[in-house]
PDB file of N, CA and C in Angstrom:
ATOM      1  N   MET A   1       6.027  19.294  -0.179  1.00  0.00           N
ATOM      2  CA  MET A   1       6.972  19.231  -1.546  1.00  0.00           C
ATOM      3  C   MET A   1       8.400  18.375  -1.579  1.00  0.00           C
ATOM      4  N   PRO A   2       8.839  17.731  -2.119  1.00  0.00           N
ATOM      5  CA  PRO A   2      10.189  17.399  -2.493  1.00  0.00           C
ATOM      6  C   PRO A   2      10.861  18.337  -2.649  1.00  0.00           C
ATOM      7  N   ARG A   3      12.252  18.473  -2.060  1.00  0.00           N
ATOM      8  CA  ARG A   3      13.553  18.607  -2.801  1.00  0.00           C
ATOM      9  C   ARG A   3      14.203  17.875  -3.752  1.00  0.00           C
ATOM     10  N   VAL A   4      14.607  18.718  -4.811  1.00  0.00           N
ATOM     11  CA  VAL A   4      14.865  17.863  -5.900  1.00  0.00           C
ATOM     12  C   VAL A   4      16.082  18.019  -5.947  1.00  0.00           C
ATOM     13  N   VAL A   5      17.300  17.686  -6.189  1.00  0.00           N
ATOM     14  CA  VAL A   5      18.674  18.315  -6.680  1.00  0.00           C
ATOM     15  C   VAL A   5      19.100  17.610  -7.476  1.00  0.00           C
ATOM     16  N   ILE A   6      19.895  18.943  -8.663  1.00  0.00           N
ATOM     17  CA  ILE A   6      20.617  17.335  -9.708  1.00  0.00           C
ATOM     18  C   ILE A   6      22.501  17.799  -9.905  1.00  0.00           C
ATOM     19  N   VAL A   7      22.284  16.254  -9.561  1.00  0.00           N
ATOM     20  CA  VAL A   7      24.322  15.580  -8.737  1.00  0.00           C
ATOM     21  C   VAL A   7      24.543  15.606 -10.111  1.00  0.00           C
ATOM     22  N   ASP A   8      25.582  15.107  -9.432  1.00  0.00           N
ATOM     23  CA  ASP A   8      27.065  14.670 -11.107  1.00  0.00           C
ATOM     24  C   ASP A   8      27.719  13.303 -10.334  1.00  0.00           C
ATOM     25  N   GLN A   9      27.514  12.662 -11.103  1.00  0.00           N
ATOM     26  CA  GLN A   9      27.734  10.334 -10.266  1.00  0.00           C
ATOM     27  C   GLN A   9      27.272  10.004 -11.989  1.00  0.00           C
ATOM     28  N   GLN A  10      28.360   8.937 -11.176  1.00  0.00           N
ATOM     29  CA  GLN A  10      27.792   7.953 -12.316  1.00  0.00           C
ATOM     30  C   GLN A  10      26.571   7.047 -13.080  1.00  0.00           C
ATOM     31  N   LYS A  11      26.281   6.718 -11.571  1.00  0.00           N
ATOM     32  CA  LYS A  11      25.126   5.939 -11.597  1.00  0.00           C
ATOM     33  C   LYS A  11      24.570   6.882 -10.335  1.00  0.00           C
ATOM     34  N   PRO A  12      23.749   6.457  -9.930  1.00  0.00           N
ATOM     35  CA  PRO A  12      22.170   5.654 -10.161  1.00  0.00           C
ATOM     36  C   PRO A  12      21.859   7.136 -11.105  1.00  0.00           C
ATOM     37  N   TRP A  13      20.642   6.594 -11.737  1.00  0.00           N
ATOM     38  CA  TRP A  13      19.901   7.676 -13.324  1.00  0.00           C
ATOM     39  C   TRP A  13      18.396   8.444 -11.775  1.00  0.00           C
ATOM     40  N   GLY A  14      18.225   7.913 -11.019  1.00  0.00           N
ATOM     41  CA  GLY A  14      18.040   9.536  -9.851  1.00  0.00           C
ATOM     42  C   GLY A  14      17.875   8.609  -8.375  1.00  0.00           C
ATOM     43  N   SER A  15      17.449   9.058  -7.070  1.00  0.00           N
ATOM     44  CA  SER A  15      17.447   8.329  -6.034  1.00  0.00           C
ATOM     45  C   SER A  15      16.074   9.295  -4.954  1.00  0.00           C
ATOM     46  N   CYS A  16      16.274   9.015  -3.819  1.00  0.00           N
ATOM     47  CA  CYS A  16      14.913   9.886  -3.321  1.00  0.00           C
ATOM     48  C   CYS A  16      15.449   9.142  -2.295  1.00  0.00           C
ATOM     49  N   ASP A  17      15.707  10.085  -1.146  1.00  0.00           N
ATOM     50  CA  ASP A  17      15.906   9.448  -0.013  1.00  0.00           C
ATOM     51  C   ASP A  17      15.178   9.702   1.459  1.00  0.00           C
ATOM     52  N   ARG A  18      15.358   9.208   2.461  1.00  0.00           N
ATOM     53  CA  ARG A  18      14.623   8.754   3.599  1.00  0.00           C
ATOM     54  C   ARG A  18      13.388  10.130   4.288  1.00  0.00           C
ATOM     55  N   HIS A  19      13.764  11.019   3.866  1.00  0.00           N
ATOM     56  CA  HIS A  19      13.813  12.624   3.766  1.00  0.00           C
ATOM     57  C   HIS A  19      12.818  13.404   2.738  1.00  0.00           C
ATOM     58  N   GLY A  20      13.185  12.270   1.256  1.00  0.00           N
ATOM     59  CA  GLY A  20      12.140  12.649   0.108  1.00  0.00           C
ATOM     60  C   GLY A  20      12.566  13.636  -0.675  1.00  0.00           C
ATOM     61  N   THR A  21      13.591  13.990  -0.078  1.00  0.00           N
ATOM     62  CA  THR A  21      15.232  14.310  -1.094  1.00  0.00           C
ATOM     63  C   THR A  21      15.342  13.697  -2.186  1.00  0.00           C
ATOM     64  N   ILE A  22      14.866  14.141  -3.872  1.00  0.00           N
ATOM     65  CA  ILE A  22      14.588  13.338  -5.420  1.00  0.00           C
ATOM     66  C   ILE A  22      15.828  13.864  -5.669  1.00  0.00           C
ATOM     67  N   ARG A  23      17.342  12.702  -5.752  1.00  0.00           N
ATOM     68  CA  ARG A  23      18.120  13.892  -6.374  1.00  0.00           C
ATOM     69  C   ARG A  23      18.144  12.829  -7.729  1.00  0.00           C
ATOM     70  N   LEU A  24      18.080  14.114  -8.740  1.00  0.00           N
ATOM     71  CA  LEU A  24      18.592  13.178 -10.503  1.00  0.00           C
ATOM     72  C   LEU A  24      20.185  13.511 -10.753  1.00  0.00           C
ATOM     73  N   ASN A  25      20.181  12.498 -11.837  1.00  0.00           N
ATOM     74  CA  ASN A  25      21.636  12.481 -12.361  1.00  0.00           C
ATOM     75  C   ASN A  25      21.852  13.432 -13.555  1.00  0.00           C
ATOM     76  N   TRP A  26      22.625  14.428 -13.916  1.00  0.00           N
ATOM     77  CA  TRP A  26      22.491  15.450 -14.597  1.00  0.00           C
ATOM     78  C   TRP A  26      22.141  14.883 -16.025  1.00  0.00           C
ATOM     79  N   ARG A  27      22.976  13.305 -16.387  1.00  0.00           N
ATOM     80  CA  ARG A  27      23.363  13.131 -17.389  1.00  0.00           C
ATOM     81  C   ARG A  27      22.025  12.221 -18.403  1.00  0.00           C
ATOM     82  N   ILE A  28      21.240  12.351 -17.461  1.00  0.00           N
ATOM     83  CA  ILE A  28      19.620  11.661 -17.540  1.00  0.00           C
ATOM     84  C   ILE A  28      18.884  12.523 -18.971  1.00  0.00           C
ATOM     85  N   ILE A  29      19.253  13.613 -19.399  1.00  0.00           N
ATOM     86  CA  ILE A  29      18.880  15.293 -19.747  1.00  0.00           C
ATOM     87  C   ILE A  29      19.537  14.884 -21.480  1.00  0.00           C
ATOM     88  N   GLN A  30      20.312  14.183 -21.025  1.00  0.00           N
ATOM     89  CA  GLN A  30      20.454  13.446 -22.729  1.00  0.00           C
ATOM     90  C   GLN A  30      19.702  12.512 -23.848  1.00  0.00           C
ATOM     91  N   ALA A  31      18.623  12.185 -22.594  1.00  0.00           N
ATOM     92  CA  ALA A  31      17.588  10.608 -22.605  1.00  0.00           C
ATOM     93  C   ALA A  31      16.509  11.488 -23.202  1.00  0.00           C
ATOM     94  N   PRO A  32      16.329  10.596 -24.478  1.00  0.00           N
ATOM     95  CA  PRO A  32      14.442  11.054 -24.895  1.00  0.00           C
ATOM     96  C   PRO A  32      13.839  10.912 -23.756  1.00  0.00           C
ATOM     97  N   MET A  33      13.177  12.144 -23.907  1.00  0.00           N
ATOM     98  CA  MET A  33      12.347  12.391 -22.552  1.00  0.00           C
ATOM     99  C   MET A  33      10.996  11.533 -21.292  1.00  0.00           C
ATOM    100  N   HIS A  34      10.799  11.126 -23.240  1.00  0.00           N
ATOM    101  CA  HIS A  34       9.788   9.491 -22.328  1.00  0.00           C
ATOM    102  C   HIS A  34      10.890   8.563 -21.158  1.00  0.00           C
ATOM    103  N   LEU A  35      11.635   8.561 -21.334  1.00  0.00           N
ATOM    104  CA  LEU A  35      12.879   8.178 -20.215  1.00  0.00           C
ATOM    105  C   LEU A  35      13.697   9.037 -19.603  1.00  0.00           C
ATOM    106  N   ASP A  36      13.168  10.166 -19.587  1.00  0.00           N
ATOM    107  CA  ASP A  36      13.251  11.204 -18.167  1.00  0.00           C
ATOM    108  C   ASP A  36      12.275  10.909 -17.345  1.00  0.00           C
ATOM    109  N   ASP A  37      10.756  10.738 -18.135  1.00  0.00           N
ATOM    110  CA  ASP A  37       9.591  10.737 -17.282  1.00  0.00           C
ATOM    111  C   ASP A  37       9.527   9.933 -16.375  1.00  0.00           C
ATOM    112  N   TYR A  38      10.635   8.904 -17.519  1.00  0.00           N
ATOM    113  CA  TYR A  38      10.294   6.758 -16.808  1.00  0.00           C
ATOM    114  C   TYR A  38      11.291   7.569 -14.897  1.00  0.00           C
ATOM    115  N   VAL A  39      12.287   8.196 -15.540  1.00  0.00           N
ATOM    116  CA  VAL A  39      13.007   8.106 -13.986  1.00  0.00           C
ATOM    117  C   VAL A  39      11.971   9.146 -12.814  1.00  0.00           C
ATOM    118  N   ILE A  40      12.128  10.193 -13.247  1.00  0.00           N
ATOM    119  CA  ILE A  40      10.848  11.463 -12.548  1.00  0.00           C
ATOM    120  C   ILE A  40      10.018  10.572 -11.933  1.00  0.00           C
ATOM    121  N   VAL A  41       9.334  10.099 -12.336  1.00  0.00           N
ATOM    122  CA  VAL A  41       8.274   8.649 -11.882  1.00  0.00           C
ATOM    123  C   VAL A  41       8.126   7.900 -11.012  1.00  0.00           C
ATOM    124  N   HIS A  42       9.383   7.161 -10.881  1.00  0.00           N
ATOM    125  CA  HIS A  42      10.051   5.974 -10.903  1.00  0.00           C
ATOM    126  C   HIS A  42      10.427   6.877  -9.027  1.00  0.00           C
ATOM    127  N   GLU A  43      11.337   7.592  -8.870  1.00  0.00           N
ATOM    128  CA  GLU A  43      11.382   8.560  -7.644  1.00  0.00           C
ATOM    129  C   GLU A  43       9.892   9.168  -7.375  1.00  0.00           C
ATOM    130  N   LEU A  44       9.352   9.903  -8.030  1.00  0.00           N
ATOM    131  CA  LEU A  44       8.182  10.189  -6.514  1.00  0.00           C
ATOM    132  C   LEU A  44       7.510   9.442  -6.904  1.00  0.00           C
ATOM    133  N   VAL A  45       7.078   7.980  -6.874  1.00  0.00           N
ATOM    134  CA  VAL A  45       6.426   7.062  -6.254  1.00  0.00           C
ATOM    135  C   VAL A  45       6.947   6.187  -5.136  1.00  0.00           C
ATOM    136  N   HIS A  46       8.963   6.607  -4.930  1.00  0.00           N
ATOM    137  CA  HIS A  46       8.926   6.986  -3.591  1.00  0.00           C
ATOM    138  C   HIS A  46       8.986   7.689  -2.337  1.00  0.00           C
ATOM    139  N   LEU A  47       8.107   8.818  -2.987  1.00  0.00           N
ATOM    140  CA  LEU A  47       8.144  10.023  -1.908  1.00  0.00           C
ATOM    141  C   LEU A  47       7.089   8.666  -0.437  1.00  0.00           C
ATOM    142  N   ARG A  48       6.122   7.598  -1.182  1.00  0.00           N
ATOM    143  CA  ARG A  48       5.649   7.017  -0.796  1.00  0.00           C
ATOM    144  C   ARG A  48       5.951   5.042  -0.104  1.00  0.00           C
ATOM    145  N   TYR A  49       6.836   5.357  -1.808  1.00  0.00           N
ATOM    146  CA  TYR A  49       6.906   3.630  -1.228  1.00  0.00           C
ATOM    147  C   TYR A  49       8.138   3.780  -0.920  1.00  0.00           C
ATOM    148  N   ARG A  50       8.994   3.429   0.049  1.00  0.00           N
ATOM    149  CA  ARG A  50      10.544   3.517   0.551  1.00  0.00           C
ATOM    150  C   ARG A  50      11.292   2.342  -1.091  1.00  0.00           C
ATOM    151  N   GLY A  51      11.050   1.231  -0.393  1.00  0.00           N
ATOM    152  CA  GLY A  51      11.357   0.867  -1.177  1.00  0.00           C
ATOM    153  C   GLY A  51      10.995  -0.624  -2.662  1.00  0.00           C
ATOM    154  N   HIS A  52      11.284  -1.540  -3.522  1.00  0.00           N
ATOM    155  CA  HIS A  52      10.867  -1.704  -4.841  1.00  0.00           C
ATOM    156  C   HIS A  52      10.057  -3.607  -4.618  1.00  0.00           C
ATOM    157  N   GLY A  53       9.200  -3.603  -3.712  1.00  0.00           N
ATOM    158  CA  GLY A  53       8.444  -4.066  -2.948  1.00  0.00           C
ATOM    159  C   GLY A  53       7.456  -4.436  -4.033  1.00  0.00           C
ATOM    160  N   PRO A  54       6.317  -4.647  -4.000  1.00  0.00           N
ATOM    161  CA  PRO A  54       5.072  -5.061  -4.406  1.00  0.00           C
ATOM    162  C   PRO A  54       4.291  -3.835  -5.451  1.00  0.00           C
ATOM    163  N   ASP A  55       3.395  -3.104  -3.938  1.00  0.00           N
ATOM    164  CA  ASP A  55       3.514  -2.232  -3.716  1.00  0.00           C
ATOM    165  C   ASP A  55       3.870  -1.162  -4.225  1.00  0.00           C
ATOM    166  N   TYR A  56       5.516  -0.991  -4.312  1.00  0.00           N
ATOM    167  CA  TYR A  56       6.131  -0.170  -4.629  1.00  0.00           C
ATOM    168  C   TYR A  56       5.610   0.124  -6.914  1.00  0.00           C
ATOM    169  N   TRP A  57       5.475  -1.622  -7.117  1.00  0.00           N
ATOM    170  CA  TRP A  57       5.264  -1.401  -8.145  1.00  0.00           C
ATOM    171  C   TRP A  57       4.144  -1.555  -8.920  1.00  0.00           C
ATOM    172  N   HIS A  58       3.410  -2.058  -8.419  1.00  0.00           N
ATOM    173  CA  HIS A  58       1.498  -1.591  -8.512  1.00  0.00           C
ATOM    174  C   HIS A  58       1.782  -0.399  -8.669  1.00  0.00           C
ATOM    175  N   ALA A  59       1.492   0.884  -8.088  1.00  0.00           N
ATOM    176  CA  ALA A  59       2.026   2.045  -7.966  1.00  0.00           C
ATOM    177  C   ALA A  59       2.532   2.572  -9.522  1.00  0.00           C
ATOM    178  N   LEU A  60       4.030   2.619  -9.492  1.00  0.00           N
ATOM    179  CA  LEU A  60       4.565   2.949 -11.469  1.00  0.00           C
ATOM    180  C   LEU A  60       3.856   2.370 -12.221  1.00  0.00           C
ATOM    181  N   GLY A  61       3.560   1.504 -11.759  1.00  0.00           N
ATOM    182  CA  GLY A  61       3.050   0.489 -12.750  1.00  0.00           C
ATOM    183  C   GLY A  61       0.431   1.615 -13.723  1.00  0.00           C
ATOM    184  N   CYS A  62       0.329   1.731 -11.882  1.00  0.00           N
ATOM    185  CA  CYS A  62      -1.319   2.450 -11.946  1.00  0.00           C
ATOM    186  C   CYS A  62      -0.759   4.363 -12.752  1.00  0.00           C
ATOM    187  N   ASN A  63       1.112   4.334 -12.576  1.00  0.00           N
ATOM    188  CA  ASN A  63       0.859   6.071 -12.862  1.00  0.00           C
ATOM    189  C   ASN A  63       1.849   6.060 -14.305  1.00  0.00           C
ATOM    190  N   MET A  64       1.925   4.400 -14.438  1.00  0.00           N
ATOM    191  CA  MET A  64       2.904   4.693 -16.117  1.00  0.00           C
ATOM    192  C   MET A  64       2.427   3.064 -16.987  1.00  0.00           C
ATOM    193  N   PRO A  65       2.248   3.080 -17.445  1.00  0.00           N
ATOM    194  CA  PRO A  65       1.199   1.542 -17.443  1.00  0.00           C
ATOM    195  C   PRO A  65       3.216   1.198 -18.143  1.00  0.00           C
ATOM    196  N   ASP A  66       3.410   1.508 -18.953  1.00  0.00           N
ATOM    197  CA  ASP A  66       4.652   1.440 -19.496  1.00  0.00           C
ATOM    198  C   ASP A  66       5.836   1.082 -19.587  1.00  0.00           C
ATOM    199  N   TYR A  67       5.736   1.326 -18.148  1.00  0.00           N
ATOM    200  CA  TYR A  67       7.266   1.672 -17.351  1.00  0.00           C
ATOM    201  C   TYR A  67       8.528   0.469 -16.969  1.00  0.00           C
ATOM    202  N   GLU A  68       7.932  -1.138 -17.667  1.00  0.00           N
ATOM    203  CA  GLU A  68       9.007  -1.758 -17.806  1.00  0.00           C
ATOM    204  C   GLU A  68       9.403  -1.669 -19.178  1.00  0.00           C
ATOM    205  N   ARG A  69       8.641  -0.945 -19.927  1.00  0.00           N
ATOM    206  CA  ARG A  69       9.750  -0.593 -21.743  1.00  0.00           C
ATOM    207  C   ARG A  69      11.044   0.289 -21.773  1.00  0.00           C
ATOM    208  N   ARG A  70      10.069   1.335 -20.984  1.00  0.00           N
ATOM    209  CA  ARG A  70      10.836   2.223 -20.694  1.00  0.00           C
ATOM    210  C   ARG A  70      12.174   1.940 -19.584  1.00  0.00           C
ATOM    211  N   ARG A  71      12.286   1.341 -18.670  1.00  0.00           N
ATOM    212  CA  ARG A  71      13.161   0.558 -17.643  1.00  0.00           C
ATOM    213  C   ARG A  71      14.703  -0.210 -18.966  1.00  0.00           C
ATOM    214  N   GLU A  72      13.389  -0.920 -18.915  1.00  0.00           N
ATOM    215  CA  GLU A  72      14.003  -1.630 -20.159  1.00  0.00           C
ATOM    216  C   GLU A  72      15.504  -0.756 -21.352  1.00  0.00           C
ATOM    217  N   GLU A  73      14.563  -0.188 -22.128  1.00  0.00           N
ATOM    218  CA  GLU A  73      15.149   1.053 -22.710  1.00  0.00           C
ATOM    219  C   GLU A  73      16.092   1.645 -22.057  1.00  0.00           C
ATOM    220  N   LEU A  74      16.055   2.363 -21.518  1.00  0.00           N
ATOM    221  CA  LEU A  74      17.311   2.651 -20.377  1.00  0.00           C
ATOM    222  C   LEU A  74      18.256   2.173 -19.825  1.00  0.00           C
ATOM    223  N   ARG A  75      17.880   0.643 -19.340  1.00  0.00           N
ATOM    224  CA  ARG A  75      19.271  -0.139 -18.665  1.00  0.00           C
ATOM    225  C   ARG A  75      19.905  -0.856 -20.152  1.00  0.00           C
ATOM    226  N   ARG A  76      19.291  -0.561 -21.459  1.00  0.00           N
ATOM    227  CA  ARG A  76      20.318  -0.955 -22.942  1.00  0.00           C
ATOM    228  C   ARG A  76      20.689   0.685 -23.318  1.00  0.00           C
ATOM    229  N   ARG A  77      20.045   1.617 -23.645  1.00  0.00           N
ATOM    230  CA  ARG A  77      20.987   3.193 -23.954  1.00  0.00           C
ATOM    231  C   ARG A  77      22.016   3.703 -22.918  1.00  0.00           C
ATOM    232  N   GLY A  78      21.440   3.137 -21.713  1.00  0.00           N
ATOM    233  CA  GLY A  78      22.004   4.565 -20.268  1.00  0.00           C
ATOM    234  C   GLY A  78      23.068   4.053 -20.149  1.00  0.00           C
ATOM    235  N   ASN A  79      24.256   3.377 -20.812  1.00  0.00           N
ATOM    236  CA  ASN A  79      25.415   3.370 -20.921  1.00  0.00           C
ATOM    237  C   ASN A  79      26.567   4.380 -21.902  1.00  0.00           C
ATOM    238  N   GLY A  80      25.637   4.962 -23.637  1.00  0.00           N
ATOM    239  CA  GLY A  80      26.020   6.267 -23.748  1.00  0.00           C
ATOM    240  C   GLY A  80      25.457   7.310 -23.060  1.00  0.00           C
ATOM    241  N   PHE A  81      25.078   7.799 -22.194  1.00  0.00           N
ATOM    242  CA  PHE A  81      24.740   9.207 -21.543  1.00  0.00           C
ATOM    243  C   PHE A  81      25.338   9.610 -21.024  1.00  0.00           C
ATOM    244  N   ALA A  82      26.593   9.976 -21.878  1.00  0.00           N
ATOM    245  CA  ALA A  82      27.853   9.836 -20.617  1.00  0.00           C
ATOM    246  C   ALA A  82      28.596  11.544 -20.379  1.00  0.00           C
TER     247      ALA A  82
END
């Protein structure tokens, strides 16, 4: 079971360290739920794949087929969640 920590930081929205601790930026709660889901699934996939290589993106796509749309929306709207 991963450890989940809520943090106060400007960026990033989330991270997963080599020990499996997932950190989520508290500001993400201001985003629509489908963007929260993207950040959480993105970090959960890091429990298996450390970097952002082809295997990582393939696994993310298998778990969230529309991740590219959500990722782009988070990039567009993210500065508004302050």
